[in-house]
């Protein structure tokens, strides 16, 4: 009788043990299915395209035709949070230098188009953005390319540019940014017509090189050929509006 009770008890415990394992297996399978569904949803979201309208307004004073500070056609890119087109207090890349000194954007566009951290690259196609005017651009993105950068030259300067680096794209609605002017630190601010490419001077690719870090620009100081009353500006020099369209 004792042996029968022991055997019966053992069979009962074995059944309980097996039952627990079956419950655990079912639970694990359920979690695996949920994880697969979540992953599929995440992939679907990553493949969903978003489109944004970018409005760049030149706030420099319209002192005379071709004067003050027209902006070169801007370069705009959507990219990952880790990527930077420029950073304050860091050295400018050679691609940025060419934009800031001579409004030459081809090398920057090629660099961005070949970078896996960049998604969509857009350049203004309607010429300069003149003081007191604005231009609109369309750009696309999807996850994980959730940041936007923009750079454009103040063309009546040695190496001044304005823009924004790694701005967070809005999930919905719009965001407005007011932009200051930066000194690329790659050319001496001679303010001489012989060194400036814009309509004031007509001297592209003539430079007095320097090797300094990017900083905020001091404006036109009147130390060369340019009259501050005609060519200087107040910060912010630009207004940027990023609006989600879809």
C-alpha atoms as a PDB file:
ATOM      1  CA  UNK A   1       0.000   0.000   0.000  1.00  0.00           C
ATOM      2  CA  UNK A   2       2.814   2.383   0.894  1.00  0.00           C
ATOM      3  CA  UNK A   3       4.483   1.795  -2.483  1.00  0.00           C
ATOM      4  CA  UNK A   4       1.218   2.474  -4.322  1.00  0.00           C
ATOM      5  CA  UNK A   5       0.808   5.809  -2.465  1.00  0.00           C
ATOM      6  CA  UNK A   6       4.378   6.797  -3.290  1.00  0.00           C
ATOM      7  CA  UNK A   7       3.904   5.930  -6.943  1.00  0.00           C
ATOM      8  CA  UNK A   8       0.572   7.798  -7.088  1.00  0.00           C
ATOM      9  CA  UNK A   9       2.116  10.856  -5.455  1.00  0.00           C
ATOM     10  CA  UNK A  10       5.047  10.723  -7.884  1.00  0.00           C
ATOM     11  CA  UNK A  11       2.726  10.506 -10.893  1.00  0.00           C
ATOM     12  CA  UNK A  12       0.703  13.472  -9.585  1.00  0.00           C
ATOM     13  CA  UNK A  13       3.834  15.627  -9.143  1.00  0.00           C
ATOM     14  CA  UNK A  14       5.077  14.627 -12.594  1.00  0.00           C
ATOM     15  CA  UNK A  15       1.755  15.650 -14.116  1.00  0.00           C
ATOM     16  CA  UNK A  16       1.896  18.990 -12.315  1.00  0.00           C
ATOM     17  CA  UNK A  17       5.497  19.505 -13.474  1.00  0.00           C
ATOM     18  CA  UNK A  18       4.595  18.683 -17.093  1.00  0.00           C
ATOM     19  CA  UNK A  19       1.559  20.945 -16.904  1.00  0.00           C
ATOM     20  CA  UNK A  20       3.659  23.857 -15.678  1.00  0.00           C
ATOM     21  CA  UNK A  21       6.121  23.370 -18.494  1.00  0.00           C
ATOM     22  CA  UNK A  22       3.298  23.281 -21.059  1.00  0.00           C
ATOM     23  CA  UNK A  23       1.925  26.544 -19.658  1.00  0.00           C
ATOM     24  CA  UNK A  24       5.389  28.084 -19.870  1.00  0.00           C
ATOM     25  CA  UNK A  25       5.816  26.927 -23.464  1.00  0.00           C
ATOM     26  CA  UNK A  26       2.473  28.438 -24.468  1.00  0.00           C
ATOM     27  CA  UNK A  27       3.368  31.712 -22.774  1.00  0.00           C
ATOM     28  CA  UNK A  28       6.736  31.878 -24.512  1.00  0.00           C
ATOM     29  CA  UNK A  29       5.151  31.191 -27.897  1.00  0.00           C
ATOM     30  CA  UNK A  30       2.592  33.934 -27.276  1.00  0.00           C
ATOM     31  CA  UNK A  31       5.355  36.394 -26.418  1.00  0.00           C
ATOM     32  CA  UNK A  32       7.261  35.374 -29.544  1.00  0.00           C
ATOM     33  CA  UNK A  33       4.189  36.070 -31.703  1.00  0.00           C
ATOM     34  CA  UNK A  34       3.703  39.482 -30.057  1.00  0.00           C
ATOM     35  CA  UNK A  35       7.383  40.326 -30.562  1.00  0.00           C
ATOM     36  CA  UNK A  36       7.114  39.389 -34.246  1.00  0.00           C
ATOM     37  CA  UNK A  37       4.025  41.571 -34.656  1.00  0.00           C
ATOM     38  CA  UNK A  38       5.701  44.510 -32.915  1.00  0.00           C
ATOM     39  CA  UNK A  39       8.759  44.132 -35.123  1.00  0.00           C
ATOM     40  CA  UNK A  40       6.596  44.035 -38.261  1.00  0.00           C
ATOM     41  CA  UNK A  41       4.788  47.180 -37.145  1.00  0.00           C
ATOM     42  CA  UNK A  42       8.101  48.898 -36.506  1.00  0.00           C
ATOM     43  CA  UNK A  43       9.313  47.938 -39.974  1.00  0.00           C
ATOM     44  CA  UNK A  44       6.111  49.296 -41.501  1.00  0.00           C
ATOM     45  CA  UNK A  45       6.556  52.578 -39.654  1.00  0.00           C
ATOM     46  CA  UNK A  46      10.179  52.792 -40.773  1.00  0.00           C
ATOM     47  CA  UNK A  47       9.106  52.396 -44.399  1.00  0.00           C
ATOM     48  CA  UNK A  48       6.427  55.077 -44.126  1.00  0.00           C
ATOM     49  CA  UNK A  49       7.430  58.234 -45.956  1.00  0.00           C
ATOM     50  CA  UNK A  50       7.008  61.715 -44.493  1.00  0.00           C
ATOM     51  CA  UNK A  51       7.153  64.926 -46.501  1.00  0.00           C
ATOM     52  CA  UNK A  52       8.017  68.419 -45.283  1.00  0.00           C
ATOM     53  CA  UNK A  53       7.729  71.943 -46.655  1.00  0.00           C
ATOM     54  CA  UNK A  54      10.792  74.052 -45.841  1.00  0.00           C
ATOM     55  CA  UNK A  55      10.464  77.841 -45.949  1.00  0.00           C
ATOM     56  CA  UNK A  56      13.639  79.930 -45.798  1.00  0.00           C
ATOM     57  CA  UNK A  57      13.151  83.677 -45.290  1.00  0.00           C
ATOM     58  CA  UNK A  58      16.018  86.152 -45.657  1.00  0.00           C
ATOM     59  CA  UNK A  59      15.745  88.710 -42.825  1.00  0.00           C
ATOM     60  CA  UNK A  60      18.720  90.820 -43.945  1.00  0.00           C
ATOM     61  CA  UNK A  61      17.744  94.418 -44.832  1.00  0.00           C
ATOM     62  CA  UNK A  62      16.967  95.056 -48.501  1.00  0.00           C
ATOM     63  CA  UNK A  63      19.238  98.104 -48.750  1.00  0.00           C
ATOM     64  CA  UNK A  64      19.790  98.020 -52.535  1.00  0.00           C
ATOM     65  CA  UNK A  65      19.527  95.589 -55.474  1.00  0.00           C
ATOM     66  CA  UNK A  66      22.160  92.873 -55.021  1.00  0.00           C
ATOM     67  CA  UNK A  67      23.308  94.490 -51.791  1.00  0.00           C
ATOM     68  CA  UNK A  68      22.984  93.572 -48.149  1.00  0.00           C
ATOM     69  CA  UNK A  69      23.213  89.767 -47.976  1.00  0.00           C
ATOM     70  CA  UNK A  70      21.519  87.515 -50.549  1.00  0.00           C
ATOM     71  CA  UNK A  71      21.640  83.808 -49.655  1.00  0.00           C
ATOM     72  CA  UNK A  72      23.086  81.273 -52.075  1.00  0.00           C
ATOM     73  CA  UNK A  73      20.726  78.431 -53.109  1.00  0.00           C
ATOM     74  CA  UNK A  74      20.598  76.398 -49.884  1.00  0.00           C
ATOM     75  CA  UNK A  75      21.587  72.773 -49.450  1.00  0.00           C
ATOM     76  CA  UNK A  76      19.054  70.868 -47.328  1.00  0.00           C
ATOM     77  CA  UNK A  77      19.294  67.276 -46.102  1.00  0.00           C
ATOM     78  CA  UNK A  78      17.362  64.870 -43.893  1.00  0.00           C
ATOM     79  CA  UNK A  79      19.592  62.530 -41.907  1.00  0.00           C
ATOM     80  CA  UNK A  80      20.090  60.443 -38.770  1.00  0.00           C
ATOM     81  CA  UNK A  81      20.520  62.089 -35.335  1.00  0.00           C
ATOM     82  CA  UNK A  82      24.206  61.141 -35.260  1.00  0.00           C
ATOM     83  CA  UNK A  83      25.093  63.076 -38.413  1.00  0.00           C
ATOM     84  CA  UNK A  84      26.266  66.708 -38.441  1.00  0.00           C
ATOM     85  CA  UNK A  85      26.808  69.044 -41.389  1.00  0.00           C
ATOM     86  CA  UNK A  86      28.506  71.575 -39.123  1.00  0.00           C
ATOM     87  CA  UNK A  87      28.993  72.255 -35.430  1.00  0.00           C
ATOM     88  CA  UNK A  88      29.711  75.503 -33.616  1.00  0.00           C
ATOM     89  CA  UNK A  89      33.280  75.624 -32.237  1.00  0.00           C
ATOM     90  CA  UNK A  90      34.392  72.807 -34.572  1.00  0.00           C
ATOM     91  CA  UNK A  91      36.379  73.064 -37.808  1.00  0.00           C
ATOM     92  CA  UNK A  92      34.405  73.340 -41.038  1.00  0.00           C
ATOM     93  CA  UNK A  93      34.659  70.508 -43.532  1.00  0.00           C
ATOM     94  CA  UNK A  94      36.128  71.321 -46.931  1.00  0.00           C
ATOM     95  CA  UNK A  95      32.653  70.895 -48.426  1.00  0.00           C
ATOM     96  CA  UNK A  96      31.246  73.497 -46.044  1.00  0.00           C
ATOM     97  CA  UNK A  97      34.218  75.777 -46.727  1.00  0.00           C
ATOM     98  CA  UNK A  98      33.384  75.841 -50.433  1.00  0.00           C
ATOM     99  CA  UNK A  99      29.804  76.847 -49.688  1.00  0.00           C
ATOM    100  CA  UNK A 100      30.776  79.499 -47.124  1.00  0.00           C
ATOM    101  CA  UNK A 101      33.481  81.073 -49.290  1.00  0.00           C
ATOM    102  CA  UNK A 102      32.151  80.789 -52.852  1.00  0.00           C
ATOM    103  CA  UNK A 103      28.608  79.321 -52.756  1.00  0.00           C
ATOM    104  CA  UNK A 104      29.953  76.152 -54.404  1.00  0.00           C
ATOM    105  CA  UNK A 105      27.588  73.407 -53.266  1.00  0.00           C
ATOM    106  CA  UNK A 106      28.397  70.498 -55.600  1.00  0.00           C
ATOM    107  CA  UNK A 107      30.966  68.817 -53.322  1.00  0.00           C
ATOM    108  CA  UNK A 108      28.607  68.993 -50.323  1.00  0.00           C
ATOM    109  CA  UNK A 109      25.745  67.525 -52.351  1.00  0.00           C
ATOM    110  CA  UNK A 110      27.950  64.686 -53.607  1.00  0.00           C
ATOM    111  CA  UNK A 111      29.149  63.962 -50.075  1.00  0.00           C
ATOM    112  CA  UNK A 112      25.606  63.818 -48.696  1.00  0.00           C
ATOM    113  CA  UNK A 113      24.293  61.689 -51.572  1.00  0.00           C
ATOM    114  CA  UNK A 114      26.984  59.116 -50.848  1.00  0.00           C
ATOM    115  CA  UNK A 115      26.534  59.041 -47.070  1.00  0.00           C
ATOM    116  CA  UNK A 116      24.396  56.244 -45.626  1.00  0.00           C
ATOM    117  CA  UNK A 117      23.339  58.517 -42.748  1.00  0.00           C
ATOM    118  CA  UNK A 118      21.697  60.974 -45.163  1.00  0.00           C
ATOM    119  CA  UNK A 119      18.336  60.297 -46.813  1.00  0.00           C
ATOM    120  CA  UNK A 120      17.047  63.111 -49.054  1.00  0.00           C
ATOM    121  CA  UNK A 121      19.217  65.943 -50.388  1.00  0.00           C
ATOM    122  CA  UNK A 122      17.662  69.071 -51.900  1.00  0.00           C
ATOM    123  CA  UNK A 123      19.244  72.179 -53.386  1.00  0.00           C
ATOM    124  CA  UNK A 124      17.437  75.424 -54.125  1.00  0.00           C
ATOM    125  CA  UNK A 125      16.759  75.668 -57.861  1.00  0.00           C
ATOM    126  CA  UNK A 126      15.344  79.194 -58.033  1.00  0.00           C
ATOM    127  CA  UNK A 127      18.553  81.147 -57.581  1.00  0.00           C
ATOM    128  CA  UNK A 128      19.561  83.248 -54.568  1.00  0.00           C
ATOM    129  CA  UNK A 129      17.183  84.090 -51.739  1.00  0.00           C
ATOM    130  CA  UNK A 130      17.299  87.880 -51.730  1.00  0.00           C
ATOM    131  CA  UNK A 131      16.866  90.072 -48.626  1.00  0.00           C
ATOM    132  CA  UNK A 132      13.224  90.495 -47.691  1.00  0.00           C
ATOM    133  CA  UNK A 133      12.122  87.463 -49.720  1.00  0.00           C
ATOM    134  CA  UNK A 134      11.524  83.772 -49.048  1.00  0.00           C
ATOM    135  CA  UNK A 135      11.659  80.483 -50.915  1.00  0.00           C
ATOM    136  CA  UNK A 136       9.948  77.152 -50.293  1.00  0.00           C
ATOM    137  CA  UNK A 137      11.393  73.674 -50.753  1.00  0.00           C
ATOM    138  CA  UNK A 138      10.044  70.140 -50.385  1.00  0.00           C
ATOM    139  CA  UNK A 139      12.000  67.322 -48.766  1.00  0.00           C
ATOM    140  CA  UNK A 140      11.221  63.734 -47.792  1.00  0.00           C
ATOM    141  CA  UNK A 141      12.327  61.379 -45.063  1.00  0.00           C
ATOM    142  CA  UNK A 142      11.481  58.230 -43.111  1.00  0.00           C
ATOM    143  CA  UNK A 143      12.697  56.605 -39.918  1.00  0.00           C
ATOM    144  CA  UNK A 144      15.413  56.747 -38.662  1.00  0.00           C
ATOM    145  CA  UNK A 145      16.280  59.927 -40.631  1.00  0.00           C
ATOM    146  CA  UNK A 146      14.539  62.313 -38.240  1.00  0.00           C
ATOM    147  CA  UNK A 147      16.819  65.375 -38.384  1.00  0.00           C
ATOM    148  CA  UNK A 148      17.256  68.191 -40.889  1.00  0.00           C
ATOM    149  CA  UNK A 149      20.224  70.401 -41.702  1.00  0.00           C
ATOM    150  CA  UNK A 150      20.526  73.415 -44.011  1.00  0.00           C
ATOM    151  CA  UNK A 151      23.448  75.606 -45.092  1.00  0.00           C
ATOM    152  CA  UNK A 152      23.612  78.696 -47.329  1.00  0.00           C
ATOM    153  CA  UNK A 153      26.209  81.418 -47.916  1.00  0.00           C
ATOM    154  CA  UNK A 154      25.802  85.119 -47.220  1.00  0.00           C
ATOM    155  CA  UNK A 155      27.284  85.932 -50.596  1.00  0.00           C
ATOM    156  CA  UNK A 156      28.627  89.464 -49.953  1.00  0.00           C
ATOM    157  CA  UNK A 157      31.082  88.206 -47.324  1.00  0.00           C
ATOM    158  CA  UNK A 158      34.377  86.343 -47.187  1.00  0.00           C
ATOM    159  CA  UNK A 159      33.088  83.164 -45.514  1.00  0.00           C
ATOM    160  CA  UNK A 160      29.834  83.831 -43.694  1.00  0.00           C
ATOM    161  CA  UNK A 161      27.023  81.306 -43.833  1.00  0.00           C
ATOM    162  CA  UNK A 162      23.774  80.626 -42.058  1.00  0.00           C
ATOM    163  CA  UNK A 163      21.901  77.425 -41.465  1.00  0.00           C
ATOM    164  CA  UNK A 164      20.864  74.844 -38.946  1.00  0.00           C
ATOM    165  CA  UNK A 165      22.418  71.548 -37.902  1.00  0.00           C
ATOM    166  CA  UNK A 166      20.458  68.444 -36.947  1.00  0.00           C
ATOM    167  CA  UNK A 167      17.124  70.142 -36.226  1.00  0.00           C
ATOM    168  CA  UNK A 168      14.493  67.695 -34.991  1.00  0.00           C
ATOM    169  CA  UNK A 169      11.726  67.259 -37.568  1.00  0.00           C
ATOM    170  CA  UNK A 170       8.200  67.814 -36.188  1.00  0.00           C
ATOM    171  CA  UNK A 171       5.945  64.787 -35.804  1.00  0.00           C
ATOM    172  CA  UNK A 172       3.055  67.003 -36.920  1.00  0.00           C
ATOM    173  CA  UNK A 173       2.395  70.688 -37.504  1.00  0.00           C
ATOM    174  CA  UNK A 174       5.371  72.991 -37.915  1.00  0.00           C
ATOM    175  CA  UNK A 175       8.449  74.350 -36.158  1.00  0.00           C
ATOM    176  CA  UNK A 176      10.042  77.771 -36.581  1.00  0.00           C
ATOM    177  CA  UNK A 177      13.741  78.509 -36.105  1.00  0.00           C
ATOM    178  CA  UNK A 178      15.523  81.873 -36.192  1.00  0.00           C
ATOM    179  CA  UNK A 179      19.046  81.514 -37.542  1.00  0.00           C
ATOM    180  CA  UNK A 180      22.208  83.466 -36.830  1.00  0.00           C
ATOM    181  CA  UNK A 181      25.126  83.989 -39.198  1.00  0.00           C
ATOM    182  CA  UNK A 182      28.286  81.935 -38.712  1.00  0.00           C
ATOM    183  CA  UNK A 183      31.910  82.560 -39.615  1.00  0.00           C
ATOM    184  CA  UNK A 184      33.295  79.382 -41.218  1.00  0.00           C
ATOM    185  CA  UNK A 185      36.790  80.246 -39.990  1.00  0.00           C
ATOM    186  CA  UNK A 186      38.380  79.273 -43.317  1.00  0.00           C
ATOM    187  CA  UNK A 187      39.056  82.717 -44.814  1.00  0.00           C
ATOM    188  CA  UNK A 188      40.190  86.007 -43.359  1.00  0.00           C
ATOM    189  CA  UNK A 189      37.425  88.609 -43.165  1.00  0.00           C
ATOM    190  CA  UNK A 190      39.227  91.190 -45.295  1.00  0.00           C
ATOM    191  CA  UNK A 191      35.944  92.752 -46.524  1.00  0.00           C
ATOM    192  CA  UNK A 192      37.832  93.510 -49.751  1.00  0.00           C
ATOM    193  CA  UNK A 193      36.178  93.295 -53.158  1.00  0.00           C
ATOM    194  CA  UNK A 194      39.161  91.270 -54.356  1.00  0.00           C
ATOM    195  CA  UNK A 195      38.213  88.403 -51.990  1.00  0.00           C
ATOM    196  CA  UNK A 196      34.404  88.277 -52.138  1.00  0.00           C
ATOM    197  CA  UNK A 197      32.321  86.454 -54.788  1.00  0.00           C
ATOM    198  CA  UNK A 198      28.924  88.167 -54.413  1.00  0.00           C
ATOM    199  CA  UNK A 199      27.319  90.827 -56.638  1.00  0.00           C
ATOM    200  CA  UNK A 200      29.131  93.500 -54.618  1.00  0.00           C
ATOM    201  CA  UNK A 201      32.531  92.308 -55.727  1.00  0.00           C
ATOM    202  CA  UNK A 202      32.628  89.499 -58.300  1.00  0.00           C
ATOM    203  CA  UNK A 203      35.832  87.829 -57.072  1.00  0.00           C
ATOM    204  CA  UNK A 204      35.176  84.086 -56.578  1.00  0.00           C
ATOM    205  CA  UNK A 205      37.917  81.652 -55.524  1.00  0.00           C
ATOM    206  CA  UNK A 206      40.265  84.431 -54.368  1.00  0.00           C
ATOM    207  CA  UNK A 207      40.973  83.939 -50.693  1.00  0.00           C
ATOM    208  CA  UNK A 208      43.237  84.661 -47.760  1.00  0.00           C
ATOM    209  CA  UNK A 209      43.009  81.287 -45.986  1.00  0.00           C
ATOM    210  CA  UNK A 210      42.773  80.829 -42.244  1.00  0.00           C
ATOM    211  CA  UNK A 211      42.293  77.774 -40.033  1.00  0.00           C
ATOM    212  CA  UNK A 212      39.884  78.682 -37.253  1.00  0.00           C
ATOM    213  CA  UNK A 213      36.842  77.012 -35.779  1.00  0.00           C
ATOM    214  CA  UNK A 214      33.275  77.921 -36.660  1.00  0.00           C
ATOM    215  CA  UNK A 215      31.931  80.801 -34.582  1.00  0.00           C
ATOM    216  CA  UNK A 216      29.181  83.407 -34.703  1.00  0.00           C
ATOM    217  CA  UNK A 217      29.925  86.105 -37.285  1.00  0.00           C
ATOM    218  CA  UNK A 218      30.601  89.692 -36.212  1.00  0.00           C
ATOM    219  CA  UNK A 219      29.032  91.172 -39.346  1.00  0.00           C
ATOM    220  CA  UNK A 220      30.485  93.754 -41.730  1.00  0.00           C
ATOM    221  CA  UNK A 221      32.763  96.033 -39.691  1.00  0.00           C
ATOM    222  CA  UNK A 222      33.829  98.503 -42.385  1.00  0.00           C
ATOM    223  CA  UNK A 223      37.508  97.492 -42.348  1.00  0.00           C
ATOM    224  CA  UNK A 224      37.684  97.008 -46.148  1.00  0.00           C
ATOM    225  CA  UNK A 225      35.673  98.052 -49.193  1.00  0.00           C
ATOM    226  CA  UNK A 226      32.185  97.256 -47.870  1.00  0.00           C
ATOM    227  CA  UNK A 227      30.021  99.879 -46.189  1.00  0.00           C
ATOM    228  CA  UNK A 228      28.243  98.395 -43.141  1.00  0.00           C
ATOM    229  CA  UNK A 229      25.201 100.600 -43.872  1.00  0.00           C
ATOM    230  CA  UNK A 230      24.721  98.690 -47.112  1.00  0.00           C
ATOM    231  CA  UNK A 231      26.055  95.212 -46.376  1.00  0.00           C
ATOM    232  CA  UNK A 232      25.704  94.552 -42.650  1.00  0.00           C
ATOM    233  CA  UNK A 233      22.850  92.650 -41.004  1.00  0.00           C
ATOM    234  CA  UNK A 234      21.333  92.029 -37.603  1.00  0.00           C
ATOM    235  CA  UNK A 235      20.846  88.585 -36.088  1.00  0.00           C
ATOM    236  CA  UNK A 236      18.771  86.595 -36.625  1.00  0.00           C
ATOM    237  CA  UNK A 237      19.564  86.791 -40.320  1.00  0.00           C
ATOM    238  CA  UNK A 238      17.074  84.108 -41.396  1.00  0.00           C
ATOM    239  CA  UNK A 239      13.794  82.493 -40.429  1.00  0.00           C
ATOM    240  CA  UNK A 240      13.311  78.790 -41.099  1.00  0.00           C
ATOM    241  CA  UNK A 241       9.913  77.086 -40.978  1.00  0.00           C
ATOM    242  CA  UNK A 242       9.662  73.295 -41.161  1.00  0.00           C
ATOM    243  CA  UNK A 243       6.097  72.104 -41.811  1.00  0.00           C
ATOM    244  CA  UNK A 244       4.997  68.504 -42.069  1.00  0.00           C
ATOM    245  CA  UNK A 245       2.789  67.977 -45.114  1.00  0.00           C
ATOM    246  CA  UNK A 246       2.186  64.224 -44.837  1.00  0.00           C
END
